[in-house]
PDB file of N, CA and C in Angstrom:
ATOM      1  N   MET A   1       0.821  -1.181   0.000  1.00  0.00           N
ATOM      2  CA  MET A   1       0.000   0.000   0.000  1.00  0.00           C
ATOM      3  C   MET A   1       0.878   1.264   0.000  1.00  0.00           C
ATOM      4  N   GLY A   2       1.940   1.241   0.836  1.00  0.00           N
ATOM      5  CA  GLY A   2       2.830   2.390   0.909  1.00  0.00           C
ATOM      6  C   GLY A   2       3.548   2.640  -0.402  1.00  0.00           C
ATOM      7  N   MET A   3       3.967   1.557  -1.076  1.00  0.00           N
ATOM      8  CA  MET A   3       4.661   1.711  -2.348  1.00  0.00           C
ATOM      9  C   MET A   3       3.724   2.296  -3.412  1.00  0.00           C
ATOM     10  N   VAL A   4       2.509   1.845  -3.441  1.00  0.00           N
ATOM     11  CA  VAL A   4       1.538   2.345  -4.423  1.00  0.00           C
ATOM     12  C   VAL A   4       1.232   3.820  -4.159  1.00  0.00           C
ATOM     13  N   MET A   5       1.001   4.175  -2.905  1.00  0.00           N
ATOM     14  CA  MET A   5       0.723   5.572  -2.562  1.00  0.00           C
ATOM     15  C   MET A   5       1.934   6.458  -2.856  1.00  0.00           C
ATOM     16  N   GLY A   6       3.141   5.952  -2.558  1.00  0.00           N
ATOM     17  CA  GLY A   6       4.356   6.703  -2.865  1.00  0.00           C
ATOM     18  C   GLY A   6       4.505   6.930  -4.355  1.00  0.00           C
ATOM     19  N   PHE A   7       4.210   5.909  -5.162  1.00  0.00           N
ATOM     20  CA  PHE A   7       4.303   6.045  -6.611  1.00  0.00           C
ATOM     21  C   PHE A   7       3.296   7.067  -7.133  1.00  0.00           C
ATOM     22  N   ILE A   8       2.081   7.008  -6.616  1.00  0.00           N
ATOM     23  CA  ILE A   8       1.050   7.959  -7.048  1.00  0.00           C
ATOM     24  C   ILE A   8       1.450   9.382  -6.685  1.00  0.00           C
ATOM     25  N   LEU A   9       1.942   9.580  -5.468  1.00  0.00           N
ATOM     26  CA  LEU A   9       2.388  10.908  -5.041  1.00  0.00           C
ATOM     27  C   LEU A   9       3.553  11.398  -5.904  1.00  0.00           C
ATOM     28  N   MET A  10       4.511  10.516  -6.196  1.00  0.00           N
ATOM     29  CA  MET A  10       5.636  10.881  -7.046  1.00  0.00           C
ATOM     30  C   MET A  10       5.163  11.276  -8.446  1.00  0.00           C
ATOM     31  N   ALA A  11       4.228  10.533  -9.007  1.00  0.00           N
ATOM     32  CA  ALA A  11       3.713  10.848 -10.337  1.00  0.00           C
ATOM     33  C   ALA A  11       3.010  12.205 -10.349  1.00  0.00           C
ATOM     34  N   ILE A  12       2.257  12.504  -9.300  1.00  0.00           N
ATOM     35  CA  ILE A  12       1.568  13.800  -9.223  1.00  0.00           C
ATOM     36  C   ILE A  12       2.582  14.935  -9.142  1.00  0.00           C
ATOM     37  N   VAL A  13       3.593  14.777  -8.287  1.00  0.00           N
ATOM     38  CA  VAL A  13       4.608  15.831  -8.140  1.00  0.00           C
ATOM     39  C   VAL A  13       5.384  16.017  -9.442  1.00  0.00           C
ATOM     40  N   MET A  14       5.747  14.936 -10.092  1.00  0.00           N
ATOM     41  CA  MET A  14       6.479  15.046 -11.366  1.00  0.00           C
ATOM     42  C   MET A  14       5.622  15.735 -12.427  1.00  0.00           C
ATOM     43  N   TRP A  15       4.353  15.426 -12.450  1.00  0.00           N
ATOM     44  CA  TRP A  15       3.455  16.051 -13.415  1.00  0.00           C
ATOM     45  C   TRP A  15       3.309  17.545 -13.135  1.00  0.00           C
ATOM     46  N   MET A  16       3.239  17.914 -11.843  1.00  0.00           N
ATOM     47  CA  MET A  16       3.076  19.316 -11.473  1.00  0.00           C
ATOM     48  C   MET A  16       4.287  20.174 -11.887  1.00  0.00           C
ATOM     49  N   PHE A  17       5.476  19.591 -11.862  1.00  0.00           N
ATOM     50  CA  PHE A  17       6.688  20.372 -12.097  1.00  0.00           C
ATOM     51  C   PHE A  17       7.405  20.015 -13.401  1.00  0.00           C
ATOM     52  N   HIS A  18       6.769  19.310 -14.301  1.00  0.00           N
ATOM     53  CA  HIS A  18       7.467  18.844 -15.496  1.00  0.00           C
ATOM     54  C   HIS A  18       7.828  19.966 -16.474  1.00  0.00           C
ATOM     55  N   LYS A  19       7.174  21.113 -16.412  1.00  0.00           N
ATOM     56  CA  LYS A  19       7.481  22.203 -17.341  1.00  0.00           C
ATOM     57  C   LYS A  19       8.443  23.232 -16.752  1.00  0.00           C
ATOM     58  N   ARG A  20       8.872  23.040 -15.533  1.00  0.00           N
ATOM     59  CA  ARG A  20       9.762  24.006 -14.881  1.00  0.00           C
ATOM     60  C   ARG A  20      11.215  23.610 -15.069  1.00  0.00           C
ATOM     61  N   ARG A  21      12.086  24.614 -14.932  1.00  0.00           N
ATOM     62  CA  ARG A  21      13.521  24.349 -15.025  1.00  0.00           C
ATOM     63  C   ARG A  21      13.973  23.526 -13.830  1.00  0.00           C
ATOM     64  N   GLY A  22      14.898  22.636 -14.080  1.00  0.00           N
ATOM     65  CA  GLY A  22      15.384  21.752 -13.023  1.00  0.00           C
ATOM     66  C   GLY A  22      16.054  22.484 -11.879  1.00  0.00           C
ATOM     67  N   SER A  23      16.784  23.555 -12.176  1.00  0.00           N
ATOM     68  CA  SER A  23      17.505  24.264 -11.117  1.00  0.00           C
ATOM     69  C   SER A  23      16.546  24.959 -10.150  1.00  0.00           C
ATOM     70  N   SER A  24      15.477  25.534 -10.658  1.00  0.00           N
ATOM     71  CA  SER A  24      14.531  26.210  -9.757  1.00  0.00           C
ATOM     72  C   SER A  24      13.750  25.197  -8.922  1.00  0.00           C
ATOM     73  N   VAL A  25      13.402  24.077  -9.522  1.00  0.00           N
ATOM     74  CA  VAL A  25      12.699  23.028  -8.785  1.00  0.00           C
ATOM     75  C   VAL A  25      13.620  22.442  -7.715  1.00  0.00           C
ATOM     76  N   ASN A  26      14.881  22.225  -8.080  1.00  0.00           N
ATOM     77  CA  ASN A  26      15.854  21.661  -7.147  1.00  0.00           C
ATOM     78  C   ASN A  26      16.041  22.580  -5.944  1.00  0.00           C
ATOM     79  N   ARG A  27      16.165  23.878  -6.191  1.00  0.00           N
ATOM     80  CA  ARG A  27      16.344  24.848  -5.107  1.00  0.00           C
ATOM     81  C   ARG A  27      15.133  24.839  -4.165  1.00  0.00           C
ATOM     82  N   GLY A  28      13.946  24.812  -4.739  1.00  0.00           N
ATOM     83  CA  GLY A  28      12.730  24.789  -3.916  1.00  0.00           C
ATOM     84  C   GLY A  28      12.622  23.528  -3.081  1.00  0.00           C
ATOM     85  N   PHE A  29      12.926  22.377  -3.679  1.00  0.00           N
ATOM     86  CA  PHE A  29      12.828  21.129  -2.952  1.00  0.00           C
ATOM     87  C   PHE A  29      13.913  21.017  -1.886  1.00  0.00           C
ATOM     88  N   ARG A  30      15.073  21.612  -2.103  1.00  0.00           N
ATOM     89  CA  ARG A  30      16.115  21.614  -1.067  1.00  0.00           C
ATOM     90  C   ARG A  30      15.644  22.374   0.159  1.00  0.00           C
ATOM     91  N   ARG A  31      15.003  23.508  -0.050  1.00  0.00           N
ATOM     92  CA  ARG A  31      14.476  24.277   1.084  1.00  0.00           C
ATOM     93  C   ARG A  31      13.388  23.492   1.808  1.00  0.00           C
ATOM     94  N   LEU A  32      12.521  22.855   1.047  1.00  0.00           N
ATOM     95  CA  LEU A  32      11.466  22.051   1.672  1.00  0.00           C
ATOM     96  C   LEU A  32      12.038  20.846   2.410  1.00  0.00           C
ATOM     97  N   GLN A  33      13.164  20.327   1.921  1.00  0.00           N
ATOM     98  CA  GLN A  33      13.801  19.204   2.587  1.00  0.00           C
ATOM     99  C   GLN A  33      14.315  19.612   3.966  1.00  0.00           C
ATOM    100  N   LEU A  34      14.798  20.838   4.091  1.00  0.00           N
ATOM    101  CA  LEU A  34      15.248  21.323   5.396  1.00  0.00           C
ATOM    102  C   LEU A  34      14.079  21.457   6.363  1.00  0.00           C
ATOM    103  N   VAL A  35      12.951  21.951   5.861  1.00  0.00           N
ATOM    104  CA  VAL A  35      11.750  22.043   6.699  1.00  0.00           C
ATOM    105  C   VAL A  35      11.307  20.645   7.122  1.00  0.00           C
ATOM    106  N   SER A  36      11.369  19.717   6.195  1.00  0.00           N
ATOM    107  CA  SER A  36      10.991  18.341   6.492  1.00  0.00           C
ATOM    108  C   SER A  36      11.917  17.730   7.540  1.00  0.00           C
ATOM    109  N   ALA A  37      13.217  17.992   7.429  1.00  0.00           N
ATOM    110  CA  ALA A  37      14.170  17.465   8.409  1.00  0.00           C
ATOM    111  C   ALA A  37      13.911  18.052   9.792  1.00  0.00           C
ATOM    112  N   ALA A  38      13.565  19.330   9.852  1.00  0.00           N
ATOM    113  CA  ALA A  38      13.261  19.952  11.147  1.00  0.00           C
ATOM    114  C   ALA A  38      12.002  19.340  11.750  1.00  0.00           C
ATOM    115  N   ALA A  39      10.981  19.136  10.942  1.00  0.00           N
ATOM    116  CA  ALA A  39       9.748  18.523  11.440  1.00  0.00           C
ATOM    117  C   ALA A  39       9.999  17.086  11.897  1.00  0.00           C
ATOM    118  N   TYR A  40      10.839  16.374  11.159  1.00  0.00           N
ATOM    119  CA  TYR A  40      11.180  15.000  11.533  1.00  0.00           C
ATOM    120  C   TYR A  40      11.912  14.983  12.872  1.00  0.00           C
ATOM    121  N   SER A  41      12.812  15.933  13.078  1.00  0.00           N
ATOM    122  CA  SER A  41      13.568  15.948  14.333  1.00  0.00           C
ATOM    123  C   SER A  41      12.648  16.203  15.520  1.00  0.00           C
ATOM    124  N   ILE A  42      11.668  17.054  15.339  1.00  0.00           N
ATOM    125  CA  ILE A  42      10.721  17.320  16.424  1.00  0.00           C
ATOM    126  C   ILE A  42       9.875  16.075  16.704  1.00  0.00           C
ATOM    127  N   GLY A  43       9.381  15.443  15.647  1.00  0.00           N
ATOM    128  CA  GLY A  43       8.599  14.219  15.824  1.00  0.00           C
ATOM    129  C   GLY A  43       9.413  13.100  16.448  1.00  0.00           C
ATOM    130  N   HIS A  44      10.658  12.968  16.012  1.00  0.00           N
ATOM    131  CA  HIS A  44      11.540  11.936  16.547  1.00  0.00           C
ATOM    132  C   HIS A  44      11.819  12.204  18.021  1.00  0.00           C
ATOM    133  N   GLY A  45      12.059  13.464  18.348  1.00  0.00           N
ATOM    134  CA  GLY A  45      12.335  13.823  19.733  1.00  0.00           C
ATOM    135  C   GLY A  45      11.164  13.533  20.649  1.00  0.00           C
ATOM    136  N   THR A  46       9.962  13.829  20.194  1.00  0.00           N
ATOM    137  CA  THR A  46       8.799  13.600  21.058  1.00  0.00           C
ATOM    138  C   THR A  46       8.452  12.116  21.184  1.00  0.00           C
ATOM    139  N   ASN A  47       8.683  11.332  20.139  1.00  0.00           N
ATOM    140  CA  ASN A  47       8.370   9.901  20.224  1.00  0.00           C
ATOM    141  C   ASN A  47       9.423   9.134  21.013  1.00  0.00           C
ATOM    142  N   ASP A  48      10.691   9.281  20.659  1.00  0.00           N
ATOM    143  CA  ASP A  48      11.735   8.499  21.313  1.00  0.00           C
ATOM    144  C   ASP A  48      12.073   9.018  22.698  1.00  0.00           C
ATOM    145  N   ALA A  49      11.710  10.242  22.997  1.00  0.00           N
ATOM    146  CA  ALA A  49      11.991  10.780  24.325  1.00  0.00           C
ATOM    147  C   ALA A  49      11.190  10.052  25.400  1.00  0.00           C
ATOM    148  N   GLN A  50      10.096   9.418  25.033  1.00  0.00           N
ATOM    149  CA  GLN A  50       9.291   8.700  26.020  1.00  0.00           C
ATOM    150  C   GLN A  50      10.085   7.555  26.645  1.00  0.00           C
ATOM    151  N   LYS A  51      10.891   6.873  25.830  1.00  0.00           N
ATOM    152  CA  LYS A  51      11.723   5.789  26.362  1.00  0.00           C
ATOM    153  C   LYS A  51      12.773   6.346  27.319  1.00  0.00           C
ATOM    154  N   THR A  52      13.381   7.454  26.918  1.00  0.00           N
ATOM    155  CA  THR A  52      14.405   8.082  27.749  1.00  0.00           C
ATOM    156  C   THR A  52      13.808   8.558  29.072  1.00  0.00           C
ATOM    157  N   MET A  53      12.612   9.137  29.014  1.00  0.00           N
ATOM    158  CA  MET A  53      11.945   9.599  30.237  1.00  0.00           C
ATOM    159  C   MET A  53      11.684   8.439  31.192  1.00  0.00           C
ATOM    160  N   GLY A  54      11.286   7.310  30.649  1.00  0.00           N
ATOM    161  CA  GLY A  54      11.028   6.143  31.492  1.00  0.00           C
ATOM    162  C   GLY A  54      12.277   5.656  32.197  1.00  0.00           C
ATOM    163  N   VAL A  55      13.388   5.619  31.473  1.00  0.00           N
ATOM    164  CA  VAL A  55      14.646   5.168  32.071  1.00  0.00           C
ATOM    165  C   VAL A  55      15.112   6.149  33.143  1.00  0.00           C
ATOM    166  N   ILE A  56      15.087   7.440  32.839  1.00  0.00           N
ATOM    167  CA  ILE A  56      15.539   8.450  33.809  1.00  0.00           C
ATOM    168  C   ILE A  56      14.648   8.439  35.047  1.00  0.00           C
ATOM    169  N   THR A  57      13.338   8.380  34.861  1.00  0.00           N
ATOM    170  CA  THR A  57      12.420   8.363  36.003  1.00  0.00           C
ATOM    171  C   THR A  57      12.602   7.086  36.815  1.00  0.00           C
ATOM    172  N   GLY A  58      12.819   5.971  36.136  1.00  0.00           N
ATOM    173  CA  GLY A  58      13.094   4.719  36.853  1.00  0.00           C
ATOM    174  C   GLY A  58      14.343   4.817  37.710  1.00  0.00           C
ATOM    175  N   LEU A  59      15.370   5.449  37.184  1.00  0.00           N
ATOM    176  CA  LEU A  59      16.596   5.647  37.964  1.00  0.00           C
ATOM    177  C   LEU A  59      16.355   6.577  39.153  1.00  0.00           C
ATOM    178  N   LEU A  60      15.561   7.634  38.941  1.00  0.00           N
ATOM    179  CA  LEU A  60      15.267   8.558  40.034  1.00  0.00           C
ATOM    180  C   LEU A  60      14.450   7.888  41.140  1.00  0.00           C
ATOM    181  N   VAL A  61      13.531   6.999  40.772  1.00  0.00           N
ATOM    182  CA  VAL A  61      12.745   6.267  41.773  1.00  0.00           C
ATOM    183  C   VAL A  61      13.636   5.272  42.511  1.00  0.00           C
ATOM    184  N   THR A  62      14.496   4.574  41.773  1.00  0.00           N
ATOM    185  CA  THR A  62      15.395   3.601  42.383  1.00  0.00           C
ATOM    186  C   THR A  62      16.381   4.271  43.333  1.00  0.00           C
ATOM    187  N   ALA A  63      16.844   5.464  42.980  1.00  0.00           N
ATOM    188  CA  ALA A  63      17.791   6.200  43.825  1.00  0.00           C
ATOM    189  C   ALA A  63      17.076   6.936  44.961  1.00  0.00           C
ATOM    190  N   LYS A  64      15.780   6.752  45.095  1.00  0.00           N
ATOM    191  CA  LYS A  64      14.955   7.374  46.140  1.00  0.00           C
ATOM    192  C   LYS A  64      14.911   8.902  46.049  1.00  0.00           C
ATOM    193  N   VAL A  65      15.140   9.450  44.846  1.00  0.00           N
ATOM    194  CA  VAL A  65      14.990  10.886  44.630  1.00  0.00           C
ATOM    195  C   VAL A  65      13.507  11.213  44.483  1.00  0.00           C
ATOM    196  N   LEU A  66      12.756  10.293  43.879  1.00  0.00           N
ATOM    197  CA  LEU A  66      11.306  10.437  43.734  1.00  0.00           C
ATOM    198  C   LEU A  66      10.611   9.365  44.564  1.00  0.00           C
ATOM    199  N   ASP A  67       9.450   9.720  45.118  1.00  0.00           N
ATOM    200  CA  ASP A  67       8.683   8.757  45.914  1.00  0.00           C
ATOM    201  C   ASP A  67       7.824   7.843  45.048  1.00  0.00           C
ATOM    202  N   SER A  68       7.336   8.364  43.921  1.00  0.00           N
ATOM    203  CA  SER A  68       6.483   7.571  43.033  1.00  0.00           C
ATOM    204  C   SER A  68       6.955   7.752  41.588  1.00  0.00           C
ATOM    205  N   PHE A  69       6.470   6.859  40.742  1.00  0.00           N
ATOM    206  CA  PHE A  69       6.879   6.906  39.334  1.00  0.00           C
ATOM    207  C   PHE A  69       6.010   7.917  38.588  1.00  0.00           C
ATOM    208  N   GLN A  70       6.296   9.176  38.820  1.00  0.00           N
ATOM    209  CA  GLN A  70       5.644  10.266  38.095  1.00  0.00           C
ATOM    210  C   GLN A  70       6.759  11.095  37.466  1.00  0.00           C
ATOM    211  N   VAL A  71       6.725  11.217  36.141  1.00  0.00           N
ATOM    212  CA  VAL A  71       7.813  11.859  35.406  1.00  0.00           C
ATOM    213  C   VAL A  71       7.821  13.363  35.685  1.00  0.00           C
ATOM    214  N   PRO A  72       8.945  13.883  36.214  1.00  0.00           N
ATOM    215  CA  PRO A  72       9.039  15.329  36.459  1.00  0.00           C
ATOM    216  C   PRO A  72       9.072  16.121  35.150  1.00  0.00           C
ATOM    217  N   TYR A  73       8.588  17.348  35.228  1.00  0.00           N
ATOM    218  CA  TYR A  73       8.505  18.212  34.043  1.00  0.00           C
ATOM    219  C   TYR A  73       9.877  18.457  33.422  1.00  0.00           C
ATOM    220  N   LEU A  74      10.905  18.654  34.248  1.00  0.00           N
ATOM    221  CA  LEU A  74      12.251  18.891  33.712  1.00  0.00           C
ATOM    222  C   LEU A  74      12.794  17.678  32.959  1.00  0.00           C
ATOM    223  N   VAL A  75      12.437  16.482  33.397  1.00  0.00           N
ATOM    224  CA  VAL A  75      12.856  15.270  32.685  1.00  0.00           C
ATOM    225  C   VAL A  75      12.166  15.207  31.322  1.00  0.00           C
ATOM    226  N   ILE A  76      10.903  15.592  31.268  1.00  0.00           N
ATOM    227  CA  ILE A  76      10.160  15.603  30.002  1.00  0.00           C
ATOM    228  C   ILE A  76      10.811  16.569  29.019  1.00  0.00           C
ATOM    229  N   ILE A  77      11.008  17.803  29.449  1.00  0.00           N
ATOM    230  CA  ILE A  77      11.586  18.826  28.569  1.00  0.00           C
ATOM    231  C   ILE A  77      13.010  18.456  28.163  1.00  0.00           C
ATOM    232  N   GLY A  78      13.811  18.007  29.108  1.00  0.00           N
ATOM    233  CA  GLY A  78      15.204  17.644  28.810  1.00  0.00           C
ATOM    234  C   GLY A  78      15.307  16.495  27.819  1.00  0.00           C
ATOM    235  N   SER A  79      14.458  15.497  27.973  1.00  0.00           N
ATOM    236  CA  SER A  79      14.483  14.342  27.065  1.00  0.00           C
ATOM    237  C   SER A  79      14.053  14.734  25.658  1.00  0.00           C
ATOM    238  N   HIS A  80      12.970  15.485  25.550  1.00  0.00           N
ATOM    239  CA  HIS A  80      12.516  15.941  24.237  1.00  0.00           C
ATOM    240  C   HIS A  80      13.588  16.788  23.558  1.00  0.00           C
ATOM    241  N   LEU A  81      14.139  17.719  24.297  1.00  0.00           N
ATOM    242  CA  LEU A  81      15.120  18.639  23.740  1.00  0.00           C
ATOM    243  C   LEU A  81      16.391  17.920  23.299  1.00  0.00           C
ATOM    244  N   ALA A  82      16.886  17.005  24.118  1.00  0.00           N
ATOM    245  CA  ALA A  82      18.122  16.295  23.789  1.00  0.00           C
ATOM    246  C   ALA A  82      17.976  15.472  22.510  1.00  0.00           C
ATOM    247  N   ILE A  83      16.914  14.732  22.389  1.00  0.00           N
ATOM    248  CA  ILE A  83      16.739  13.880  21.207  1.00  0.00           C
ATOM    249  C   ILE A  83      16.410  14.720  19.985  1.00  0.00           C
ATOM    250  N   ALA A  84      15.586  15.742  20.139  1.00  0.00           N
ATOM    251  CA  ALA A  84      15.249  16.594  18.989  1.00  0.00           C
ATOM    252  C   ALA A  84      16.481  17.321  18.462  1.00  0.00           C
ATOM    253  N   LEU A  85      17.300  17.868  19.345  1.00  0.00           N
ATOM    254  CA  LEU A  85      18.511  18.574  18.899  1.00  0.00           C
ATOM    255  C   LEU A  85      19.512  17.617  18.272  1.00  0.00           C
ATOM    256  N   GLY A  86      19.636  16.430  18.828  1.00  0.00           N
ATOM    257  CA  GLY A  86      20.533  15.434  18.234  1.00  0.00           C
ATOM    258  C   GLY A  86      20.115  15.054  16.832  1.00  0.00           C
ATOM    259  N   THR A  87      18.835  14.855  16.630  1.00  0.00           N
ATOM    260  CA  THR A  87      18.340  14.518  15.297  1.00  0.00           C
ATOM    261  C   THR A  87      18.483  15.700  14.347  1.00  0.00           C
ATOM    262  N   LEU A  88      18.201  16.903  14.850  1.00  0.00           N
ATOM    263  CA  LEU A  88      18.299  18.088  14.002  1.00  0.00           C
ATOM    264  C   LEU A  88      19.721  18.311  13.520  1.00  0.00           C
ATOM    265  N   PHE A  89      20.684  18.268  14.434  1.00  0.00           N
ATOM    266  CA  PHE A  89      22.065  18.525  14.037  1.00  0.00           C
ATOM    267  C   PHE A  89      22.675  17.355  13.281  1.00  0.00           C
ATOM    268  N   GLY A  90      22.358  16.131  13.655  1.00  0.00           N
ATOM    269  CA  GLY A  90      22.828  14.972  12.898  1.00  0.00           C
ATOM    270  C   GLY A  90      22.136  14.877  11.556  1.00  0.00           C
ATOM    271  N   GLY A  91      20.857  15.210  11.518  1.00  0.00           N
ATOM    272  CA  GLY A  91      20.091  15.182  10.270  1.00  0.00           C
ATOM    273  C   GLY A  91      20.584  16.218   9.283  1.00  0.00           C
ATOM    274  N   TRP A  92      21.050  17.371   9.780  1.00  0.00           N
ATOM    275  CA  TRP A  92      21.585  18.406   8.898  1.00  0.00           C
ATOM    276  C   TRP A  92      22.771  17.861   8.102  1.00  0.00           C
ATOM    277  N   ARG A  93      23.648  17.107   8.770  1.00  0.00           N
ATOM    278  CA  ARG A  93      24.819  16.547   8.093  1.00  0.00           C
ATOM    279  C   ARG A  93      24.383  15.554   7.018  1.00  0.00           C
ATOM    280  N   ILE A  94      23.368  14.754   7.307  1.00  0.00           N
ATOM    281  CA  ILE A  94      22.878  13.782   6.327  1.00  0.00           C
ATOM    282  C   ILE A  94      22.241  14.487   5.143  1.00  0.00           C
ATOM    283  N   VAL A  95      21.424  15.511   5.405  1.00  0.00           N
ATOM    284  CA  VAL A  95      20.777  16.263   4.325  1.00  0.00           C
ATOM    285  C   VAL A  95      21.834  16.924   3.462  1.00  0.00           C
ATOM    286  N   LYS A  96      22.853  17.502   4.068  1.00  0.00           N
ATOM    287  CA  LYS A  96      23.927  18.176   3.334  1.00  0.00           C
ATOM    288  C   LYS A  96      24.673  17.171   2.454  1.00  0.00           C
ATOM    289  N   THR A  97      25.000  15.996   3.006  1.00  0.00           N
ATOM    290  CA  THR A  97      25.719  14.969   2.254  1.00  0.00           C
ATOM    291  C   THR A  97      24.871  14.448   1.095  1.00  0.00           C
ATOM    292  N   MET A  98      23.611  14.156   1.364  1.00  0.00           N
ATOM    293  CA  MET A  98      22.732  13.635   0.312  1.00  0.00           C
ATOM    294  C   MET A  98      22.484  14.687  -0.762  1.00  0.00           C
ATOM    295  N   GLY A  99      22.369  15.947  -0.368  1.00  0.00           N
ATOM    296  CA  GLY A  99      22.156  17.016  -1.338  1.00  0.00           C
ATOM    297  C   GLY A  99      23.316  17.152  -2.298  1.00  0.00           C
ATOM    298  N   SER A 100      24.547  17.018  -1.787  1.00  0.00           N
ATOM    299  CA  SER A 100      25.713  17.126  -2.667  1.00  0.00           C
ATOM    300  C   SER A 100      25.819  15.921  -3.586  1.00  0.00           C
ATOM    301  N   LYS A 101      25.418  14.749  -3.123  1.00  0.00           N
ATOM    302  CA  LYS A 101      25.458  13.543  -3.962  1.00  0.00           C
ATOM    303  C   LYS A 101      24.413  13.640  -5.071  1.00  0.00           C
ATOM    304  N   ILE A 102      23.239  14.186  -4.747  1.00  0.00           N
ATOM    305  CA  ILE A 102      22.181  14.316  -5.745  1.00  0.00           C
ATOM    306  C   ILE A 102      22.556  15.350  -6.800  1.00  0.00           C
ATOM    307  N   ALA A 103      23.201  16.445  -6.359  1.00  0.00           N
ATOM    308  CA  ALA A 103      23.567  17.523  -7.295  1.00  0.00           C
ATOM    309  C   ALA A 103      24.616  17.041  -8.293  1.00  0.00           C
ATOM    310  N   ASN A 104      25.462  16.106  -7.870  1.00  0.00           N
ATOM    311  CA  ASN A 104      26.512  15.598  -8.780  1.00  0.00           C
ATOM    312  C   ASN A 104      25.914  14.557  -9.641  1.00  0.00           C
TER     313      ASN A 104
END
């Protein structure tokens, strides 16, 4: 299903931009790719941070810093921020590398 939907979406996008110059389309899609990478980093940070929050809160409960297993607000923010920034900065390097390979 995903392959069929991806093919249909690709065909629509190719049809929409088939009369435009390649350089202008490439420049526009590069900018959109950066927006996409930023959105991905935020989504990745919020999803994977849940695992990190569980481990940190478990350690805090085990060390008797917390009385019950309730995730503190600072642990939530710190986990989201750490994973989102890691993906954003690591993702930038991947986008930059892939962009140069595509341009060549």
